[in-house]
Protein backbone atom coordinates (compact mmCIF):
# COMPACT_ATOMS: atom_id res chain seq x y z
CA MET A 1 0.00 0.00 0.00
CA LYS A 2 1.19 3.46 -0.94
CA LEU A 3 -0.40 6.78 -0.09
CA ASP A 4 -0.52 7.68 -3.78
CA ASP A 5 -2.28 4.47 -4.86
CA ASP A 6 -5.61 5.05 -6.53
CA ASP A 7 -8.64 4.37 -4.33
CA PHE A 8 -9.40 1.04 -5.97
CA SER A 9 -5.85 -0.25 -5.49
CA LEU A 10 -5.85 1.00 -1.92
CA PHE A 11 -9.01 -0.99 -1.21
CA GLY A 12 -7.96 -3.98 -3.32
CA LEU A 13 -10.95 -3.58 -5.64
CA PRO A 14 -11.17 -3.76 -9.43
CA GLN A 15 -11.29 -0.42 -11.22
CA ARG A 16 -14.93 -0.52 -12.24
CA GLN A 17 -18.17 1.26 -11.46
CA ALA A 18 -20.07 -1.86 -10.39
CA GLN A 19 -19.07 -2.50 -6.78
CA ASP A 20 -20.55 -4.34 -3.83
CA ARG A 21 -21.31 -1.76 -1.14
CA ALA A 22 -20.84 -4.34 1.63
CA GLU A 23 -17.39 -5.23 0.26
CA ILE A 24 -16.37 -1.56 0.23
CA GLU A 25 -17.52 -1.19 3.85
CA SER A 26 -15.72 -4.37 4.89
CA ARG A 27 -12.45 -3.31 3.29
CA TRP A 28 -12.75 0.17 4.78
CA LYS A 29 -13.14 -1.26 8.27
CA ALA A 30 -10.16 -3.56 7.75
CA LEU A 31 -8.00 -0.70 6.47
CA GLN A 32 -9.08 1.55 9.34
CA ALA A 33 -8.10 -1.16 11.80
CA GLN A 34 -4.63 -1.29 10.20
CA VAL A 35 -3.95 2.44 10.12
CA HIS A 36 -5.84 3.86 13.09
CA PRO A 37 -3.55 6.34 14.90
CA ASP A 38 -4.30 4.80 18.31
CA LYS A 39 -2.50 1.65 17.16
CA PHE A 40 0.68 3.70 16.88
CA ALA A 41 0.48 5.60 20.18
CA ALA A 42 3.49 3.79 21.63
CA GLN A 43 5.62 4.41 18.53
CA GLY A 44 5.94 8.18 18.93
CA ALA A 45 4.66 11.34 17.32
CA ALA A 46 6.10 10.67 13.84
CA ALA A 47 4.41 7.27 13.60
CA GLN A 48 1.13 8.77 14.78
CA ARG A 49 1.35 11.58 12.20
CA LEU A 50 1.92 9.03 9.44
CA ALA A 51 -0.97 6.92 10.75
CA MET A 52 -3.15 10.05 10.74
CA GLN A 53 -2.24 10.66 7.08
CA TRP A 54 -3.13 7.06 6.27
CA ALA A 55 -6.41 7.24 8.16
CA LEU A 56 -7.33 10.44 6.29
CA ARG A 57 -6.38 8.88 2.95
CA VAL A 58 -8.44 5.74 3.68
CA ASN A 59 -11.46 7.85 4.72
CA GLU A 60 -11.24 10.00 1.58
CA ALA A 61 -11.06 6.89 -0.60
CA HIS A 62 -14.01 5.40 1.28
CA GLN A 63 -16.12 8.51 0.66
CA ARG A 64 -15.42 8.32 -3.08
CA LEU A 65 -15.88 4.58 -3.47
CA ARG A 66 -19.08 4.19 -1.47
CA ASP A 67 -21.00 6.85 -3.40
CA PRO A 68 -21.88 5.73 -6.95
CA LEU A 69 -21.78 9.28 -8.34
CA LYS A 70 -18.43 10.12 -6.74
CA ARG A 71 -17.07 6.75 -7.83
CA ALA A 72 -18.15 7.38 -11.44
CA ALA A 73 -16.61 10.85 -11.42
CA TYR A 74 -13.39 9.42 -10.02
CA LEU A 75 -13.28 6.66 -12.64
CA CYS A 76 -13.79 9.20 -15.41
CA GLU A 77 -10.88 11.23 -14.07
CA LEU A 78 -8.69 8.13 -13.72
CA ARG A 79 -9.46 7.25 -17.34
CA GLY A 80 -8.53 10.68 -18.65
CA ALA A 81 -12.02 12.13 -19.05
CA ALA A 82 -11.96 15.22 -16.84
CA LEU A 83 -15.43 16.36 -15.86
CA GLN A 84 -14.66 20.07 -16.26
CA VAL A 85 -17.82 20.93 -14.34
CA GLU A 86 -16.92 24.63 -14.16
CA SER A 87 -16.16 25.05 -17.86
CA ASN A 88 -18.29 22.38 -19.56
CA THR A 89 -21.98 22.81 -18.83
CA ARG A 90 -23.08 21.43 -22.19
CA MET A 91 -26.05 19.07 -21.90
CA PRO A 92 -28.28 17.41 -24.47
CA ALA A 93 -31.37 19.48 -25.32
CA SER A 94 -33.65 16.68 -24.11
CA PHE A 95 -32.01 16.74 -20.67
CA LEU A 96 -32.33 20.55 -20.51
CA MET A 97 -36.03 20.25 -21.30
CA GLU A 98 -36.40 17.58 -18.63
CA GLN A 99 -34.67 19.88 -16.12
CA MET A 100 -37.00 22.76 -16.96
CA ALA A 101 -40.05 20.54 -16.58
CA TRP A 102 -38.81 19.33 -13.18
CA ARG A 103 -38.18 22.89 -12.01
CA GLU A 104 -41.65 23.94 -13.08
CA ALA A 105 -43.17 20.91 -11.38
CA LEU A 106 -41.34 21.73 -8.15
CA ASP A 107 -42.44 25.37 -8.31
CA GLU A 108 -46.05 24.34 -8.93
CA ALA A 109 -46.19 21.50 -6.39
CA ALA A 110 -48.93 22.42 -3.94
CA ASP A 111 -48.31 19.82 -1.27
CA ALA A 112 -45.88 17.22 0.03
CA ALA A 113 -47.50 14.44 -2.02
CA ALA A 114 -46.82 16.31 -5.27
CA VAL A 115 -43.23 17.02 -4.24
CA GLN A 116 -42.74 13.37 -3.25
CA ALA A 117 -44.15 12.19 -6.58
CA LEU A 118 -41.67 14.45 -8.37
CA ASP A 119 -38.84 13.08 -6.23
CA ASP A 120 -39.87 9.54 -7.15
CA GLU A 121 -39.77 10.46 -10.84
CA VAL A 122 -36.36 12.15 -10.53
CA ALA A 123 -34.98 9.23 -8.48
CA ALA A 124 -36.03 6.80 -11.22
CA ARG A 125 -34.26 8.94 -13.81
CA GLU A 126 -31.20 9.06 -11.56
CA ARG A 127 -31.12 5.25 -11.35
CA GLU A 128 -31.45 5.03 -15.12
CA LEU A 129 -28.51 7.41 -15.66
CA LEU A 130 -26.40 5.57 -13.08
CA ASP A 131 -27.08 2.31 -14.93
CA GLN A 132 -26.10 3.94 -18.24
CA THR A 133 -22.96 5.36 -16.66
CA GLN A 134 -22.01 1.93 -15.31
CA ARG A 135 -22.43 0.38 -18.76
CA LEU A 136 -20.36 3.14 -20.35
CA LEU A 137 -17.55 2.70 -17.83
CA ASP A 138 -17.53 -1.05 -17.31
CA GLU A 139 -18.67 -2.44 -20.64
CA ALA A 140 -18.12 0.16 -23.36
CA GLY A 141 -14.98 1.72 -21.87
CA ASP A 142 -16.29 5.15 -22.94
CA ALA A 143 -15.15 7.50 -20.18
CA PRO A 144 -15.90 10.73 -22.14
CA ALA A 145 -19.55 9.68 -22.62
CA ALA A 146 -19.70 8.59 -18.98
CA ALA A 147 -18.36 12.02 -17.95
CA GLU A 148 -21.35 13.62 -19.70
CA GLN A 149 -23.68 11.34 -17.74
CA VAL A 150 -21.87 12.20 -14.51
CA ARG A 151 -22.41 15.92 -15.13
CA ALA A 152 -26.13 15.21 -15.61
CA LEU A 153 -26.16 13.14 -12.43
CA MET A 154 -24.55 16.01 -10.54
CA PHE A 155 -27.43 18.25 -11.60
CA ILE A 156 -29.91 15.62 -10.47
CA ALA A 157 -28.17 15.34 -7.08
CA ARG A 158 -28.42 19.12 -6.60
CA PHE A 159 -32.04 19.11 -7.72
CA ARG A 160 -32.91 16.29 -5.32
CA ALA A 161 -31.35 18.36 -2.53
CA ASP A 162 -33.74 21.18 -3.53
CA ILE A 163 -36.60 18.69 -3.35
CA ASP A 164 -35.47 17.60 0.12
CA ARG A 165 -35.42 21.23 1.28
CA ARG A 166 -38.91 21.74 -0.13
CA LEU A 167 -40.18 18.62 1.67
CA GLU A 168 -38.55 19.88 4.87
CA ALA A 169 -40.31 23.21 4.48
CA LEU A 170 -43.59 21.36 4.02
CA GLY A 171 -43.01 19.47 7.26
CA GLN A 172 -42.06 16.09 5.78
């Protein structure tokens, strides 16, 4: 294990989008047990600092690997398809129309049931895009196309956060 290993190598996992969440959690716990700073308390300050760096690195990798969207973004980057989220906001016209319809539906939703129904619709679309992204990364090997899907998924994640805030405001 090296600090500069990619997250998949660090966790001993194949570099693919499809992952078993339980396996990620299991490997994270095992790595944490190996590098926890308390294990190195008797070895002095330098050993504890190094253990702290390792623990931080393992936790960062865990955060990326356990979240399908973060994992997909990371895989795109590893495969040379930078997301360029600040400079590349290009989206297919159909997705832009879908976004506008969702925004309108959220603005017009009169009650929690309507907001929840919209969230169900958006969640289904999110699952569909995650499945497409997985196929692009794991089967087609098309990281640039997957990066476009990841940018769309990032919008959906932000929009679902808006839905959650609206549900909160409605007392749900």
